[in-house]
PDB file of N, CA and C in Angstrom:
ATOM      1  N   MET A   1       6.838  28.811   4.743  1.00  0.00           N
ATOM      2  CA  MET A   1       6.908  27.219   4.735  1.00  0.00           C
ATOM      3  C   MET A   1       7.924  26.628   4.454  1.00  0.00           C
ATOM      4  N   LYS A   2       8.337  25.647   4.762  1.00  0.00           N
ATOM      5  CA  LYS A   2       9.612  25.026   4.642  1.00  0.00           C
ATOM      6  C   LYS A   2       9.767  24.482   3.356  1.00  0.00           C
ATOM      7  N   MET A   3      10.730  24.370   2.781  1.00  0.00           N
ATOM      8  CA  MET A   3      11.022  24.010   1.376  1.00  0.00           C
ATOM      9  C   MET A   3      10.576  22.649   1.080  1.00  0.00           C
ATOM     10  N   ILE A   4      10.594  21.530   2.052  1.00  0.00           N
ATOM     11  CA  ILE A   4      10.275  20.200   1.922  1.00  0.00           C
ATOM     12  C   ILE A   4       8.708  20.181   1.671  1.00  0.00           C
ATOM     13  N   HIS A   5       7.953  21.010   2.441  1.00  0.00           N
ATOM     14  CA  HIS A   5       6.632  21.021   2.449  1.00  0.00           C
ATOM     15  C   HIS A   5       6.131  21.575   1.092  1.00  0.00           C
ATOM     16  N   VAL A   6       6.814  22.695   0.417  1.00  0.00           N
ATOM     17  CA  VAL A   6       6.600  23.000  -0.848  1.00  0.00           C
ATOM     18  C   VAL A   6       6.610  22.089  -2.011  1.00  0.00           C
ATOM     19  N   ILE A   7       7.584  21.241  -1.988  1.00  0.00           N
ATOM     20  CA  ILE A   7       7.953  20.141  -2.863  1.00  0.00           C
ATOM     21  C   ILE A   7       6.921  19.387  -2.547  1.00  0.00           C
ATOM     22  N   THR A   8       6.811  18.644  -1.439  1.00  0.00           N
ATOM     23  CA  THR A   8       5.711  17.375  -1.146  1.00  0.00           C
ATOM     24  C   THR A   8       4.712  18.057  -1.743  1.00  0.00           C
ATOM     25  N   LEU A   9       4.019  19.196  -1.327  1.00  0.00           N
ATOM     26  CA  LEU A   9       2.825  19.341  -1.657  1.00  0.00           C
ATOM     27  C   LEU A   9       2.606  19.768  -3.255  1.00  0.00           C
ATOM     28  N   PHE A  10       3.699  20.047  -3.857  1.00  0.00           N
ATOM     29  CA  PHE A  10       3.580  20.253  -5.613  1.00  0.00           C
ATOM     30  C   PHE A  10       3.599  18.757  -5.865  1.00  0.00           C
ATOM     31  N   MET A  11       4.045  17.551  -5.396  1.00  0.00           N
ATOM     32  CA  MET A  11       4.341  16.372  -5.859  1.00  0.00           C
ATOM     33  C   MET A  11       3.004  15.819  -5.701  1.00  0.00           C
ATOM     34  N   ALA A  12       2.378  16.327  -4.482  1.00  0.00           N
ATOM     35  CA  ALA A  12       1.226  15.494  -3.927  1.00  0.00           C
ATOM     36  C   ALA A  12      -0.171  16.028  -5.014  1.00  0.00           C
ATOM     37  N   ILE A  13      -0.005  17.210  -5.412  1.00  0.00           N
ATOM     38  CA  ILE A  13      -1.029  17.607  -6.296  1.00  0.00           C
ATOM     39  C   ILE A  13      -0.886  17.044  -7.580  1.00  0.00           C
ATOM     40  N   ILE A  14       0.592  16.930  -8.166  1.00  0.00           N
ATOM     41  CA  ILE A  14       0.865  16.144  -9.335  1.00  0.00           C
ATOM     42  C   ILE A  14       0.245  14.757  -9.536  1.00  0.00           C
ATOM     43  N   GLY A  15       0.422  14.006  -8.173  1.00  0.00           N
ATOM     44  CA  GLY A  15      -0.211  13.027  -8.069  1.00  0.00           C
ATOM     45  C   GLY A  15      -1.520  12.800  -8.055  1.00  0.00           C
ATOM     46  N   GLY A  16      -2.345  13.853  -7.447  1.00  0.00           N
ATOM     47  CA  GLY A  16      -3.866  13.746  -7.622  1.00  0.00           C
ATOM     48  C   GLY A  16      -4.278  14.052  -8.912  1.00  0.00           C
ATOM     49  N   MET A  17      -3.842  14.834  -9.621  1.00  0.00           N
ATOM     50  CA  MET A  17      -3.995  15.387 -10.955  1.00  0.00           C
ATOM     51  C   MET A  17      -3.688  14.031 -11.434  1.00  0.00           C
ATOM     52  N   HIS A  18      -2.773  13.231 -11.545  1.00  0.00           N
ATOM     53  CA  HIS A  18      -2.286  12.117 -12.400  1.00  0.00           C
ATOM     54  C   HIS A  18      -3.544  10.974 -12.139  1.00  0.00           C
ATOM     55  N   PHE A  19      -3.913  10.844 -11.141  1.00  0.00           N
ATOM     56  CA  PHE A  19      -5.036   9.892 -10.765  1.00  0.00           C
ATOM     57  C   PHE A  19      -6.260  10.450 -11.265  1.00  0.00           C
ATOM     58  N   VAL A  20      -6.758  11.621 -11.220  1.00  0.00           N
ATOM     59  CA  VAL A  20      -8.054  12.128 -11.928  1.00  0.00           C
ATOM     60  C   VAL A  20      -7.753  11.888 -13.441  1.00  0.00           C
ATOM     61  N   LEU A  21      -6.758  12.444 -14.102  1.00  0.00           N
ATOM     62  CA  LEU A  21      -6.676  12.301 -15.379  1.00  0.00           C
ATOM     63  C   LEU A  21      -6.477  11.002 -16.204  1.00  0.00           C
ATOM     64  N   THR A  22      -6.048   9.839 -15.215  1.00  0.00           N
ATOM     65  CA  THR A  22      -5.621   8.796 -15.925  1.00  0.00           C
ATOM     66  C   THR A  22      -7.085   8.115 -15.533  1.00  0.00           C
ATOM     67  N   GLY A  23      -7.811   8.353 -14.407  1.00  0.00           N
ATOM     68  CA  GLY A  23      -9.177   7.658 -14.470  1.00  0.00           C
ATOM     69  C   GLY A  23     -10.378   8.209 -15.646  1.00  0.00           C
ATOM     70  N   ILE A  24     -10.347   9.608 -15.847  1.00  0.00           N
ATOM     71  CA  ILE A  24     -11.231  10.287 -16.726  1.00  0.00           C
ATOM     72  C   ILE A  24     -10.936  10.122 -17.991  1.00  0.00           C
ATOM     73  N   GLY A  25      -9.960  10.210 -18.521  1.00  0.00           N
ATOM     74  CA  GLY A  25      -9.306  10.305 -19.984  1.00  0.00           C
ATOM     75  C   GLY A  25      -8.414   9.306 -20.417  1.00  0.00           C
ATOM     76  N   GLY A  26      -7.733   8.680 -19.317  1.00  0.00           N
ATOM     77  CA  GLY A  26      -6.417   7.541 -19.636  1.00  0.00           C
ATOM     78  C   GLY A  26      -5.311   8.276 -19.945  1.00  0.00           C
ATOM     79  N   THR A  27      -5.152   9.727 -19.550  1.00  0.00           N
ATOM     80  CA  THR A  27      -3.942  10.359 -19.931  1.00  0.00           C
ATOM     81  C   THR A  27      -2.981   9.969 -18.780  1.00  0.00           C
ATOM     82  N   ASP A  28      -1.869   9.758 -19.487  1.00  0.00           N
ATOM     83  CA  ASP A  28      -0.872   9.429 -18.133  1.00  0.00           C
ATOM     84  C   ASP A  28      -0.052  10.860 -17.937  1.00  0.00           C
ATOM     85  N   LEU A  29      -0.328  11.522 -16.811  1.00  0.00           N
ATOM     86  CA  LEU A  29       0.202  12.880 -16.586  1.00  0.00           C
ATOM     87  C   LEU A  29       1.706  12.638 -16.402  1.00  0.00           C
ATOM     88  N   ILE A  30       2.204  11.702 -15.504  1.00  0.00           N
ATOM     89  CA  ILE A  30       3.616  11.439 -15.100  1.00  0.00           C
ATOM     90  C   ILE A  30       4.372  11.191 -16.259  1.00  0.00           C
ATOM     91  N   THR A  31       4.290  10.614 -17.267  1.00  0.00           N
ATOM     92  CA  THR A  31       4.704   9.984 -18.517  1.00  0.00           C
ATOM     93  C   THR A  31       4.858  11.483 -19.283  1.00  0.00           C
ATOM     94  N   THR A  32       3.896  12.461 -19.342  1.00  0.00           N
ATOM     95  CA  THR A  32       3.548  13.478 -20.243  1.00  0.00           C
ATOM     96  C   THR A  32       4.753  14.351 -19.780  1.00  0.00           C
ATOM     97  N   ILE A  33       4.948  14.782 -18.129  1.00  0.00           N
ATOM     98  CA  ILE A  33       5.493  15.607 -17.730  1.00  0.00           C
ATOM     99  C   ILE A  33       7.093  14.975 -17.505  1.00  0.00           C
ATOM    100  N   PHE A  34       7.344  14.165 -17.290  1.00  0.00           N
ATOM    101  CA  PHE A  34       8.572  13.374 -16.657  1.00  0.00           C
ATOM    102  C   PHE A  34       9.259  12.803 -17.601  1.00  0.00           C
ATOM    103  N   GLY A  35       8.326  12.167 -18.691  1.00  0.00           N
ATOM    104  CA  GLY A  35       8.979  11.382 -19.648  1.00  0.00           C
ATOM    105  C   GLY A  35       8.908   9.779 -19.216  1.00  0.00           C
ATOM    106  N   THR A  36       9.354   8.691 -20.002  1.00  0.00           N
ATOM    107  CA  THR A  36       9.162   7.410 -19.756  1.00  0.00           C
ATOM    108  C   THR A  36      10.278   6.729 -18.942  1.00  0.00           C
ATOM    109  N   THR A  37      11.241   7.378 -18.543  1.00  0.00           N
ATOM    110  CA  THR A  37      12.674   6.990 -17.919  1.00  0.00           C
ATOM    111  C   THR A  37      12.088   7.431 -16.374  1.00  0.00           C
ATOM    112  N   HIS A  38      12.327   6.393 -15.678  1.00  0.00           N
ATOM    113  CA  HIS A  38      12.170   6.496 -14.163  1.00  0.00           C
ATOM    114  C   HIS A  38      10.813   6.665 -13.590  1.00  0.00           C
ATOM    115  N   THR A  39       9.801   6.316 -14.166  1.00  0.00           N
ATOM    116  CA  THR A  39       8.425   6.831 -13.886  1.00  0.00           C
ATOM    117  C   THR A  39       7.866   5.959 -12.596  1.00  0.00           C
ATOM    118  N   THR A  40       8.523   4.651 -12.420  1.00  0.00           N
ATOM    119  CA  THR A  40       8.330   4.070 -11.012  1.00  0.00           C
ATOM    120  C   THR A  40       9.017   4.752  -9.909  1.00  0.00           C
ATOM    121  N   LEU A  41      10.106   5.670 -10.274  1.00  0.00           N
ATOM    122  CA  LEU A  41      10.666   6.328  -9.066  1.00  0.00           C
ATOM    123  C   LEU A  41       9.660   7.469  -8.880  1.00  0.00           C
ATOM    124  N   ILE A  42       9.371   8.227  -9.758  1.00  0.00           N
ATOM    125  CA  ILE A  42       8.305   9.328  -9.695  1.00  0.00           C
ATOM    126  C   ILE A  42       7.091   8.865  -8.831  1.00  0.00           C
ATOM    127  N   HIS A  43       6.691   7.739  -9.150  1.00  0.00           N
ATOM    128  CA  HIS A  43       5.474   7.398  -8.344  1.00  0.00           C
ATOM    129  C   HIS A  43       5.762   7.185  -6.953  1.00  0.00           C
ATOM    130  N   LEU A  44       6.867   6.533  -6.719  1.00  0.00           N
ATOM    131  CA  LEU A  44       7.394   6.481  -5.118  1.00  0.00           C
ATOM    132  C   LEU A  44       7.398   7.536  -4.663  1.00  0.00           C
ATOM    133  N   ILE A  45       8.130   8.730  -5.297  1.00  0.00           N
ATOM    134  CA  ILE A  45       8.294   9.962  -4.526  1.00  0.00           C
ATOM    135  C   ILE A  45       7.128  10.722  -4.396  1.00  0.00           C
ATOM    136  N   ILE A  46       6.151  10.525  -5.376  1.00  0.00           N
ATOM    137  CA  ILE A  46       4.636  11.061  -5.048  1.00  0.00           C
ATOM    138  C   ILE A  46       4.098  10.500  -4.064  1.00  0.00           C
ATOM    139  N   GLY A  47       4.132   8.951  -3.804  1.00  0.00           N
ATOM    140  CA  GLY A  47       3.423   8.326  -2.589  1.00  0.00           C
ATOM    141  C   GLY A  47       4.167   8.874  -1.399  1.00  0.00           C
ATOM    142  N   ALA A  48       5.453   8.882  -1.215  1.00  0.00           N
ATOM    143  CA  ALA A  48       5.900   9.357   0.082  1.00  0.00           C
ATOM    144  C   ALA A  48       5.820  10.954   0.303  1.00  0.00           C
ATOM    145  N   SER A  49       5.617  11.786  -0.784  1.00  0.00           N
ATOM    146  CA  SER A  49       5.076  12.995  -0.646  1.00  0.00           C
ATOM    147  C   SER A  49       3.469  13.148   0.186  1.00  0.00           C
ATOM    148  N   ILE A  50       2.740  12.076  -0.552  1.00  0.00           N
ATOM    149  CA  ILE A  50       1.412  12.131   0.152  1.00  0.00           C
ATOM    150  C   ILE A  50       1.377  11.411   1.257  1.00  0.00           C
ATOM    151  N   MET A  51       2.220  10.694   2.099  1.00  0.00           N
ATOM    152  CA  MET A  51       2.382  10.271   3.143  1.00  0.00           C
ATOM    153  C   MET A  51       2.925  11.506   4.027  1.00  0.00           C
ATOM    154  N   TRP A  52       3.744  11.975   3.616  1.00  0.00           N
ATOM    155  CA  TRP A  52       4.435  13.158   4.218  1.00  0.00           C
ATOM    156  C   TRP A  52       3.426  14.141   4.771  1.00  0.00           C
ATOM    157  N   HIS A  53       2.348  14.473   3.962  1.00  0.00           N
ATOM    158  CA  HIS A  53       1.334  15.182   4.615  1.00  0.00           C
ATOM    159  C   HIS A  53       0.058  14.562   5.176  1.00  0.00           C
ATOM    160  N   VAL A  54      -0.004  13.349   4.876  1.00  0.00           N
ATOM    161  CA  VAL A  54      -0.985  12.623   5.582  1.00  0.00           C
ATOM    162  C   VAL A  54      -0.736  12.110   7.116  1.00  0.00           C
ATOM    163  N   THR A  55       0.593  11.665   7.317  1.00  0.00           N
ATOM    164  CA  THR A  55       0.865  11.572   8.630  1.00  0.00           C
ATOM    165  C   THR A  55       0.369  12.028   9.811  1.00  0.00           C
ATOM    166  N   PRO A  56       0.860  13.628   9.663  1.00  0.00           N
ATOM    167  CA  PRO A  56       0.344  14.554  10.901  1.00  0.00           C
ATOM    168  C   PRO A  56      -1.099  14.338  11.035  1.00  0.00           C
ATOM    169  N   MET A  57      -1.851  14.517   9.867  1.00  0.00           N
ATOM    170  CA  MET A  57      -3.320  14.334  10.116  1.00  0.00           C
ATOM    171  C   MET A  57      -3.689  12.961  10.982  1.00  0.00           C
ATOM    172  N   ILE A  58      -3.065  12.054  10.563  1.00  0.00           N
ATOM    173  CA  ILE A  58      -3.481  10.686  11.280  1.00  0.00           C
ATOM    174  C   ILE A  58      -3.236  10.746  12.663  1.00  0.00           C
ATOM    175  N   LYS A  59      -1.964  11.218  13.025  1.00  0.00           N
ATOM    176  CA  LYS A  59      -1.503  11.251  14.441  1.00  0.00           C
ATOM    177  C   LYS A  59      -2.335  12.213  15.213  1.00  0.00           C
ATOM    178  N   THR A  60      -2.718  13.476  14.411  1.00  0.00           N
ATOM    179  CA  THR A  60      -3.811  14.080  15.207  1.00  0.00           C
ATOM    180  C   THR A  60      -5.039  13.422  15.556  1.00  0.00           C
ATOM    181  N   HIS A  61      -5.450  12.715  14.546  1.00  0.00           N
ATOM    182  CA  HIS A  61      -6.958  12.047  14.754  1.00  0.00           C
ATOM    183  C   HIS A  61      -6.703  10.782  15.624  1.00  0.00           C
ATOM    184  N   LEU A  62      -5.622  10.190  15.715  1.00  0.00           N
ATOM    185  CA  LEU A  62      -5.443   8.942  16.646  1.00  0.00           C
ATOM    186  C   LEU A  62      -5.143   9.850  18.363  1.00  0.00           C
ATOM    187  N   ALA A  63      -4.774  10.986  18.380  1.00  0.00           N
ATOM    188  CA  ALA A  63      -4.494  11.580  19.738  1.00  0.00           C
ATOM    189  C   ALA A  63      -5.865  11.945  20.241  1.00  0.00           C
ATOM    190  N   THR A  64      -6.733  12.175  19.290  1.00  0.00           N
ATOM    191  CA  THR A  64      -7.882  12.679  20.026  1.00  0.00           C
ATOM    192  C   THR A  64      -8.826  11.365  20.314  1.00  0.00           C
ATOM    193  N   LEU A  65      -8.806  10.405  19.963  1.00  0.00           N
ATOM    194  CA  LEU A  65      -9.461   8.959  20.334  1.00  0.00           C
ATOM    195  C   LEU A  65      -9.367   8.731  21.864  1.00  0.00           C
TER     196      LEU A  65
END
């Protein structure tokens, strides 16, 4: 697996865990792991990582229509 896939997959998993923990218990996983500086940048990286993995699935789905 390419290194970019490993990194983006890790960030997407962290993002998913963040949303679950924030929704259930109000725990901010991003702040816990990365600290309070640059949390907006970390959220943008997580969003880009999720799009990196979702875009091929959307292209495949649209090609079958």
